[in-house]
Amino acid sequence: MQMQIKKRSFILAIVASIILSSLATMTSWYYFLGLQNYKLRNLARLFATMHIIKTDYVKPVSGNTIIDGAISGMVNSLDDPHSVYLNAKSYKMLMEQTEGEFGGIGIVMQHNPQTKIISIIAILPDTPGAKSGLKVGDEILAVNNETSKKLSYDAIAAHIRGPIGSKVKLTVKRKNEILHFTITRAAIKTPTVAAEMLPDKIGYIAIAMFAENTPQEFNKAYDKLQKAGMKGLILDLRNNPGGLLTSSVSIAKRLVPAGKIVSVVNRAGEKEVFYSKLAKKGCPIVVLINGNTASAAEILAGAIRDTHAGILLGTKSYGKGSVQEIIPLGNKTAIKLTIAKYYTPSGRCIDKIGIEPNEKVIITPTSRQDTQILRALAILKEKTISPKEVK
């Protein structure tokens, strides 16, 4: 009898040890993940909802689908169009975009948070999008017959991209006309910088977006123009939706005189300041901006304006003064989360405000010439041609 009692006590001791160990482990994870900041009843609601959907919904739903939806809902609740959940497909697409090659049609889109309209703001040359007849300004109404009103910006981008050689259907609105396009996807290699020498030794560099390879492309183009005798520079940031802050800062270091380029401030008030060490100011610069110049493009434009490294010409920029970080979550997913605001060298936050140009020049729909480039050329010609050169 005593042996049985001892054996039973031993077993109970083992069970108790396991329970205590499990509770200790769960408690550790509870505090490690910061769950103590949430009321247990709220966590219970979350897990109860997941269980109910899993067991009682009219048709089977995978656990991954439920988790994806839960995370997406959390991020959407922030009411921040720049913070999004990236499922495996969207995450892969974003990485391909910043790395410089993907399967798609070669268009750049912009989301208007006020009107919820997604429109084409740029089309890469010699791509399926350019050959199809799409035009800058087209509003995207549907992708593969799915209305854009029911899809997020990232979902639309993910639907447009796909395997090389496959087809995608776009429905767009152009003024009062509804148009339909069926476009075959191709490998989109995205050179982000285009450059040429214009008359009177005025260099022209257009930056389509700020990807990982953009600083190298810019430096190559800038150095080539300098060797060819560049006297002034037109930097075209029109329709540039932004991209990597580090790439924008890297280019600013070639153009902005020694001092602040941009300050990034997080929710705790911690500030990170990026500086230029450029000792000597280069040639005169005119920067072209418009309503689709956003984010990292505004960082560069704002730094050039505030430090008087050049003048801004065109129309007011988009006004995205926030910084996002890509945070991997595992299982090939991530969240793109707004983590900070940025400030120009003069201390301005341009979020939802934009940057006003030094000189406003509007391109009218009837303009046969690019009046902004023509005005930029005139300004630089005045600054760079000496009286001895004028005949």
Protein backbone atom coordinates (compact mmCIF):
# COMPACT_ATOMS: atom_id res chain seq x y z
CA MET A 1 0.00 0.00 0.00
CA GLN A 2 2.81 2.39 0.92
CA MET A 3 4.55 1.54 -2.37
CA GLN A 4 1.37 2.47 -4.27
CA ILE A 5 1.08 5.74 -2.33
CA LYS A 6 4.74 6.56 -2.99
CA LYS A 7 4.34 5.68 -6.68
CA ARG A 8 1.20 7.79 -6.94
CA SER A 9 2.92 10.68 -5.15
CA PHE A 10 5.88 10.39 -7.50
CA ILE A 11 3.62 10.53 -10.55
CA LEU A 12 1.71 13.49 -9.16
CA ALA A 13 4.99 15.24 -8.48
CA ILE A 14 6.09 14.70 -12.09
CA VAL A 15 2.74 15.96 -13.42
CA ALA A 16 2.91 18.97 -11.13
CA SER A 17 6.44 19.66 -12.30
CA ILE A 18 5.36 19.50 -15.95
CA ILE A 19 2.42 21.84 -15.30
CA LEU A 20 4.58 24.31 -13.43
CA SER A 21 7.23 24.16 -16.13
CA SER A 22 4.61 24.76 -18.85
CA LEU A 23 3.11 27.64 -16.89
CA ALA A 24 6.56 29.15 -16.42
CA THR A 25 7.26 28.84 -20.15
CA MET A 26 3.87 30.34 -21.07
CA THR A 27 4.39 33.16 -18.57
CA SER A 28 7.82 33.88 -20.04
CA TRP A 29 6.41 34.09 -23.54
CA TYR A 30 3.46 36.12 -22.22
CA TYR A 31 5.84 38.81 -20.95
CA PHE A 32 8.37 38.43 -23.78
CA LEU A 33 5.67 39.21 -26.38
CA GLY A 34 4.29 42.04 -24.29
CA LEU A 35 0.90 40.39 -23.92
CA GLN A 36 0.62 41.68 -20.34
CA ASN A 37 -0.27 45.03 -21.87
CA TYR A 38 -3.52 43.58 -23.20
CA LYS A 39 -6.48 42.50 -21.09
CA LEU A 40 -6.94 38.74 -21.02
CA ARG A 41 -10.56 39.07 -22.11
CA ASN A 42 -9.43 40.81 -25.31
CA LEU A 43 -6.94 38.03 -26.07
CA ALA A 44 -9.72 35.54 -25.33
CA ARG A 45 -11.99 37.31 -27.85
CA LEU A 46 -9.28 37.10 -30.49
CA PHE A 47 -8.59 33.41 -30.05
CA ALA A 48 -12.30 32.58 -29.62
CA THR A 49 -13.11 34.28 -32.94
CA MET A 50 -10.35 32.36 -34.69
CA HIS A 51 -11.64 29.09 -33.21
CA ILE A 52 -15.27 29.80 -34.14
CA ILE A 53 -14.37 30.62 -37.74
CA LYS A 54 -12.16 27.54 -37.95
CA THR A 55 -14.86 25.18 -36.65
CA ASP A 56 -18.25 26.72 -37.57
CA TYR A 57 -17.82 28.73 -40.80
CA VAL A 58 -19.89 27.34 -43.66
CA LYS A 59 -16.83 26.13 -45.56
CA PRO A 60 -13.31 25.11 -44.46
CA VAL A 61 -10.82 27.91 -43.88
CA SER A 62 -7.11 27.33 -43.44
CA GLY A 63 -5.36 28.54 -40.33
CA ASN A 64 -2.98 30.62 -42.46
CA THR A 65 -5.92 32.45 -44.07
CA ILE A 66 -7.37 33.31 -40.66
CA ILE A 67 -4.02 34.54 -39.34
CA ASP A 68 -3.39 36.58 -42.51
CA GLY A 69 -6.79 38.22 -42.11
CA ALA A 70 -6.23 38.93 -38.41
CA ILE A 71 -2.87 40.60 -39.01
CA SER A 72 -4.19 42.54 -41.99
CA GLY A 73 -7.12 43.75 -39.89
CA MET A 74 -4.77 44.95 -37.13
CA VAL A 75 -2.70 46.99 -39.56
CA ASN A 76 -5.77 48.35 -41.38
CA SER A 77 -7.19 49.52 -38.05
CA LEU A 78 -4.37 52.10 -37.91
CA ASP A 79 -6.12 54.05 -40.70
CA ASP A 80 -2.72 54.69 -42.28
CA PRO A 81 -2.58 54.05 -46.04
CA HIS A 82 1.20 53.62 -45.83
CA SER A 83 1.08 50.82 -43.22
CA VAL A 84 0.07 47.48 -44.74
CA TYR A 85 0.31 43.75 -44.17
CA LEU A 86 2.39 42.02 -46.82
CA ASN A 87 1.39 38.43 -47.47
CA ALA A 88 3.91 36.15 -49.13
CA LYS A 89 3.00 37.36 -52.63
CA SER A 90 3.04 41.07 -51.74
CA TYR A 91 6.28 40.75 -49.76
CA LYS A 92 8.01 39.03 -52.67
CA MET A 93 6.73 41.72 -55.03
CA LEU A 94 8.08 44.52 -52.85
CA MET A 95 11.49 42.89 -52.56
CA GLU A 96 11.64 42.43 -56.34
CA GLN A 97 10.74 46.10 -56.83
CA THR A 98 13.52 47.40 -54.61
CA GLU A 99 16.01 44.89 -56.08
CA GLY A 100 15.22 45.98 -59.63
CA GLU A 101 13.61 43.12 -61.61
CA PHE A 102 10.18 41.43 -61.61
CA GLY A 103 7.45 40.09 -63.89
CA GLY A 104 4.94 42.81 -64.76
CA ILE A 105 3.85 45.41 -67.29
CA GLY A 106 6.05 48.41 -66.37
CA ILE A 107 3.71 50.96 -64.82
CA VAL A 108 4.07 53.09 -61.68
CA MET A 109 0.88 53.76 -59.70
CA GLN A 110 -0.16 56.31 -57.09
CA HIS A 111 -2.89 55.96 -54.43
CA ASN A 112 -4.83 59.09 -53.46
CA PRO A 113 -5.89 58.58 -49.82
CA GLN A 114 -8.64 61.22 -50.07
CA THR A 115 -10.40 60.01 -53.22
CA LYS A 116 -9.28 56.34 -52.93
CA ILE A 117 -8.36 56.54 -56.62
CA ILE A 118 -5.40 54.55 -57.94
CA SER A 119 -3.94 56.02 -61.10
CA ILE A 120 -0.96 55.52 -63.39
CA ILE A 121 1.68 58.18 -62.81
CA ALA A 122 4.52 56.80 -64.95
CA ILE A 123 5.08 54.15 -67.61
CA LEU A 124 8.53 52.70 -68.18
CA PRO A 125 9.62 52.93 -71.85
CA ASP A 126 9.74 49.81 -74.01
CA THR A 127 7.57 47.76 -71.62
CA PRO A 128 4.23 45.97 -72.19
CA GLY A 129 2.45 48.88 -70.49
CA ALA A 130 4.00 51.40 -72.85
CA LYS A 131 3.22 49.26 -75.93
CA SER A 132 -0.39 48.58 -74.86
CA GLY A 133 -1.56 52.18 -75.13
CA LEU A 134 -1.93 52.90 -71.41
CA LYS A 135 -1.34 56.55 -70.55
CA VAL A 136 -0.20 58.52 -67.52
CA GLY A 137 -3.32 59.70 -65.72
CA ASP A 138 -5.39 56.59 -66.44
CA GLU A 139 -7.44 55.59 -63.39
CA ILE A 140 -7.38 51.85 -62.69
CA LEU A 141 -10.94 50.62 -62.16
CA ALA A 142 -10.38 46.85 -62.19
CA VAL A 143 -7.69 44.19 -62.50
CA ASN A 144 -8.71 40.81 -63.94
CA ASN A 145 -12.34 41.92 -63.51
CA GLU A 146 -11.89 42.60 -59.78
CA THR A 147 -12.88 46.17 -58.93
CA SER A 148 -10.11 48.29 -57.48
CA LYS A 149 -12.49 49.65 -54.81
CA LYS A 150 -12.42 46.23 -53.11
CA LEU A 151 -8.63 45.86 -53.27
CA SER A 152 -5.82 47.62 -51.44
CA TYR A 153 -3.04 49.36 -53.34
CA ASP A 154 -0.68 46.46 -52.64
CA ALA A 155 -3.28 43.89 -53.71
CA ILE A 156 -3.75 45.68 -57.04
CA ALA A 157 0.02 45.77 -57.58
CA ALA A 158 0.21 42.06 -56.73
CA HIS A 159 -2.59 41.28 -59.20
CA ILE A 160 -0.86 43.21 -61.98
CA ARG A 161 2.41 41.36 -61.48
CA GLY A 162 2.75 37.69 -62.28
CA PRO A 163 4.63 35.06 -64.26
CA ILE A 164 6.43 36.26 -67.37
CA GLY A 165 4.33 35.47 -70.45
CA SER A 166 1.00 35.39 -68.60
CA LYS A 167 -1.76 37.94 -69.26
CA VAL A 168 -3.45 40.55 -67.08
CA LYS A 169 -6.66 42.44 -67.83
CA LEU A 170 -6.95 46.11 -66.87
CA THR A 171 -10.02 48.30 -66.96
CA VAL A 172 -9.16 52.00 -66.83
CA LYS A 173 -10.98 55.30 -66.93
CA ARG A 174 -9.54 58.00 -69.20
CA LYS A 175 -11.48 61.24 -68.81
CA ASN A 176 -15.05 60.06 -69.53
CA GLU A 177 -14.06 56.92 -71.43
CA ILE A 178 -13.84 53.35 -70.07
CA LEU A 179 -11.11 51.29 -71.75
CA HIS A 180 -10.13 47.63 -71.51
CA PHE A 181 -6.60 46.25 -72.00
CA THR A 182 -5.25 42.69 -72.06
CA ILE A 183 -1.50 42.87 -71.56
CA THR A 184 1.14 40.12 -71.60
CA ARG A 185 3.55 40.38 -68.70
CA ALA A 186 7.31 40.52 -69.34
CA ALA A 187 10.49 40.68 -67.31
CA ILE A 188 10.64 44.26 -66.09
CA LYS A 189 14.17 45.44 -65.49
CA THR A 190 13.83 48.75 -63.80
CA PRO A 191 16.63 51.18 -64.50
CA THR A 192 15.61 54.02 -62.23
CA VAL A 193 17.77 56.78 -63.74
CA ALA A 194 17.74 58.30 -67.23
CA ALA A 195 20.17 61.02 -68.31
CA GLU A 196 21.17 63.12 -71.32
CA MET A 197 22.98 66.35 -72.18
CA LEU A 198 20.65 69.11 -73.34
CA PRO A 199 21.66 72.27 -75.28
CA ASP A 200 24.09 74.75 -73.70
CA LYS A 201 25.73 71.95 -71.67
CA ILE A 202 22.71 71.58 -69.39
CA GLY A 203 22.56 68.08 -67.94
CA TYR A 204 19.26 66.30 -67.42
CA ILE A 205 18.75 63.43 -64.95
CA ALA A 206 15.36 61.85 -64.27
CA ILE A 207 14.91 59.51 -61.29
CA ALA A 208 11.87 57.25 -61.55
CA MET A 209 12.10 55.85 -58.00
CA PHE A 210 14.65 55.18 -55.26
CA ALA A 211 15.67 51.52 -55.34
CA GLU A 212 18.82 49.80 -54.08
CA ASN A 213 20.67 50.40 -57.34
CA THR A 214 19.57 54.03 -57.81
CA PRO A 215 22.63 55.72 -56.19
CA GLN A 216 25.01 53.73 -58.42
CA GLU A 217 22.96 54.62 -61.52
CA PHE A 218 22.83 58.28 -60.50
CA ASN A 219 26.56 58.52 -59.78
CA LYS A 220 27.38 56.97 -63.15
CA ALA A 221 25.10 59.39 -65.00
CA TYR A 222 26.22 62.43 -62.97
CA ASP A 223 29.92 61.68 -63.44
CA LYS A 224 29.44 61.18 -67.18
CA LEU A 225 27.69 64.53 -67.52
CA GLN A 226 30.39 66.24 -65.48
CA LYS A 227 33.13 64.83 -67.71
CA ALA A 228 31.20 66.11 -70.73
CA GLY A 229 31.34 69.66 -69.33
CA MET A 230 27.95 70.00 -67.60
CA LYS A 231 27.29 73.64 -66.57
CA GLY A 232 23.86 73.20 -64.99
CA LEU A 233 21.57 70.32 -64.01
CA ILE A 234 17.86 69.65 -64.35
CA LEU A 235 16.90 66.98 -61.80
CA ASP A 236 13.51 65.54 -62.73
CA LEU A 237 11.63 64.08 -59.74
CA ARG A 238 8.18 64.38 -61.27
CA ASN A 239 5.98 61.30 -60.78
CA ASN A 240 8.62 59.78 -58.48
CA PRO A 241 6.69 57.87 -55.75
CA GLY A 242 9.72 57.54 -53.46
CA GLY A 243 11.37 54.33 -52.27
CA LEU A 244 14.37 53.77 -50.02
CA LEU A 245 15.34 56.63 -47.70
CA THR A 246 18.97 55.50 -47.75
CA SER A 247 19.11 55.79 -51.54
CA SER A 248 17.66 59.31 -51.44
CA VAL A 249 20.18 60.35 -48.77
CA SER A 250 23.05 58.84 -50.76
CA ILE A 251 22.18 60.99 -53.79
CA ALA A 252 21.65 64.08 -51.63
CA LYS A 253 25.26 63.75 -50.46
CA ARG A 254 26.35 64.48 -54.04
CA LEU A 255 24.18 67.61 -54.36
CA VAL A 256 23.53 69.16 -50.94
CA PRO A 257 26.25 71.26 -49.25
CA ALA A 258 27.73 70.15 -45.92
CA GLY A 259 25.07 70.03 -43.22
CA LYS A 260 21.71 68.38 -42.55
CA ILE A 261 19.92 66.41 -45.24
CA VAL A 262 16.98 65.04 -43.23
CA SER A 263 16.02 64.26 -39.63
CA VAL A 264 13.96 61.16 -38.78
CA VAL A 265 12.02 61.24 -35.48
CA ASN A 266 10.24 58.21 -33.99
CA ARG A 267 7.31 58.09 -31.53
CA ALA A 268 9.66 58.29 -28.54
CA GLY A 269 11.11 61.52 -29.87
CA GLU A 270 14.44 59.89 -30.71
CA LYS A 271 16.08 61.64 -33.65
CA GLU A 272 18.40 60.30 -36.33
CA VAL A 273 20.01 62.97 -38.48
CA PHE A 274 21.59 62.32 -41.88
CA TYR A 275 24.33 64.72 -42.98
CA SER A 276 26.13 65.74 -46.14
CA LYS A 277 29.87 66.36 -46.08
CA LEU A 278 29.99 67.94 -49.54
CA ALA A 279 32.73 70.57 -49.30
CA LYS A 280 32.11 72.39 -52.56
CA LYS A 281 28.79 73.31 -54.11
CA GLY A 282 28.36 71.95 -57.62
CA CYS A 283 26.72 73.44 -60.69
CA PRO A 284 23.35 75.27 -60.55
CA ILE A 285 20.39 72.89 -60.14
CA VAL A 286 16.71 73.12 -61.00
CA VAL A 287 14.54 70.35 -59.53
CA LEU A 288 11.25 69.49 -61.24
CA ILE A 289 8.42 68.36 -58.93
CA ASN A 290 4.68 67.77 -59.19
CA GLY A 291 1.76 66.32 -57.24
CA ASN A 292 3.12 62.80 -57.64
CA THR A 293 6.57 63.60 -56.23
CA ALA A 294 6.43 61.77 -52.90
CA SER A 295 8.27 60.32 -49.91
CA ALA A 296 12.00 59.79 -50.57
CA ALA A 297 11.74 62.10 -53.61
CA GLU A 298 10.43 64.84 -51.30
CA ILE A 299 13.35 64.23 -48.92
CA LEU A 300 15.79 65.01 -51.74
CA ALA A 301 13.76 67.95 -53.07
CA GLY A 302 13.28 69.39 -49.58
CA ALA A 303 16.98 69.15 -48.78
CA ILE A 304 17.94 70.90 -52.02
CA ARG A 305 15.44 73.71 -51.42
CA ASP A 306 16.20 74.27 -47.73
CA THR A 307 19.97 74.35 -48.25
CA HIS A 308 19.69 76.58 -51.33
CA ALA A 309 21.53 73.96 -53.39
CA GLY A 310 19.02 74.57 -56.16
CA ILE A 311 15.52 75.82 -56.89
CA LEU A 312 12.32 73.81 -57.19
CA LEU A 313 10.08 74.31 -60.20
CA GLY A 314 6.65 72.85 -61.08
CA THR A 315 3.71 72.23 -58.74
CA LYS A 316 3.32 71.28 -55.08
CA SER A 317 4.53 67.79 -54.14
CA TYR A 318 2.41 64.96 -52.74
CA GLY A 319 3.09 65.40 -49.02
CA LYS A 320 4.27 62.08 -47.59
CA GLY A 321 6.49 62.92 -44.65
CA SER A 322 6.49 59.54 -42.94
CA VAL A 323 9.02 56.70 -42.87
CA GLN A 324 8.09 53.03 -43.19
CA GLU A 325 10.05 49.97 -42.09
CA ILE A 326 9.64 46.48 -43.53
CA ILE A 327 9.38 44.07 -40.59
CA PRO A 328 9.51 40.34 -41.50
CA LEU A 329 7.03 38.17 -39.59
CA GLY A 330 8.16 34.74 -40.76
CA ASN A 331 6.43 32.40 -43.21
CA LYS A 332 7.58 34.78 -46.02
CA THR A 333 5.30 37.58 -44.75
CA ALA A 334 5.94 41.03 -43.31
CA ILE A 335 4.34 44.31 -42.33
CA LYS A 336 5.23 47.69 -43.77
CA LEU A 337 4.76 49.97 -40.77
CA THR A 338 5.03 53.73 -40.36
CA ILE A 339 7.64 54.16 -37.62
CA ALA A 340 8.68 57.81 -37.84
CA LYS A 341 8.20 61.25 -39.35
CA TYR A 342 10.93 63.03 -41.26
CA TYR A 343 11.86 66.71 -41.21
CA THR A 344 13.65 68.78 -43.84
CA PRO A 345 16.87 70.64 -42.90
CA SER A 346 14.86 73.70 -41.83
CA GLY A 347 12.79 71.55 -39.45
CA ARG A 348 9.61 71.29 -41.54
CA CYS A 349 7.41 68.19 -41.55
CA ILE A 350 5.67 68.13 -44.93
CA ASP A 351 3.33 65.19 -44.18
CA LYS A 352 -0.08 65.86 -45.79
CA ILE A 353 1.23 69.33 -46.70
CA GLY A 354 3.74 68.88 -49.50
CA ILE A 355 6.55 71.11 -50.70
CA GLU A 356 5.79 74.26 -52.64
CA PRO A 357 8.14 74.95 -55.57
CA ASN A 358 10.14 78.18 -55.70
CA GLU A 359 8.49 78.83 -59.03
CA LYS A 360 5.11 77.42 -60.00
CA VAL A 361 4.86 76.25 -63.60
CA ILE A 362 1.81 74.26 -64.72
CA ILE A 363 1.72 71.98 -67.76
CA THR A 364 -1.70 72.36 -69.37
CA PRO A 365 -3.39 69.42 -71.15
CA THR A 366 -3.07 71.31 -74.43
CA SER A 367 0.67 71.96 -74.04
CA ARG A 368 2.61 70.51 -76.96
CA GLN A 369 5.92 71.04 -75.20
CA ASP A 370 7.18 70.35 -71.69
CA THR A 371 6.91 73.91 -70.42
CA GLN A 372 8.56 72.99 -67.10
CA ILE A 373 11.73 71.74 -68.78
CA LEU A 374 11.73 74.78 -71.09
CA ARG A 375 11.52 77.12 -68.10
CA ALA A 376 14.24 75.17 -66.26
CA LEU A 377 16.49 75.49 -69.30
CA ALA A 378 15.89 79.24 -69.43
CA ILE A 379 16.75 79.65 -65.73
CA LEU A 380 19.93 77.62 -66.00
CA LYS A 381 20.98 79.38 -69.19
CA GLU A 382 20.80 82.71 -67.34
CA LYS A 383 22.89 81.30 -64.50
CA THR A 384 25.53 79.51 -66.55
CA ILE A 385 26.25 81.56 -69.67
CA SER A 386 28.68 84.41 -69.02
CA PRO A 387 28.40 87.77 -70.86
CA LYS A 388 31.44 86.85 -72.97
CA GLU A 389 29.57 83.85 -74.36
CA VAL A 390 26.56 85.92 -75.42
CA LYS A 391 26.93 87.08 -79.02
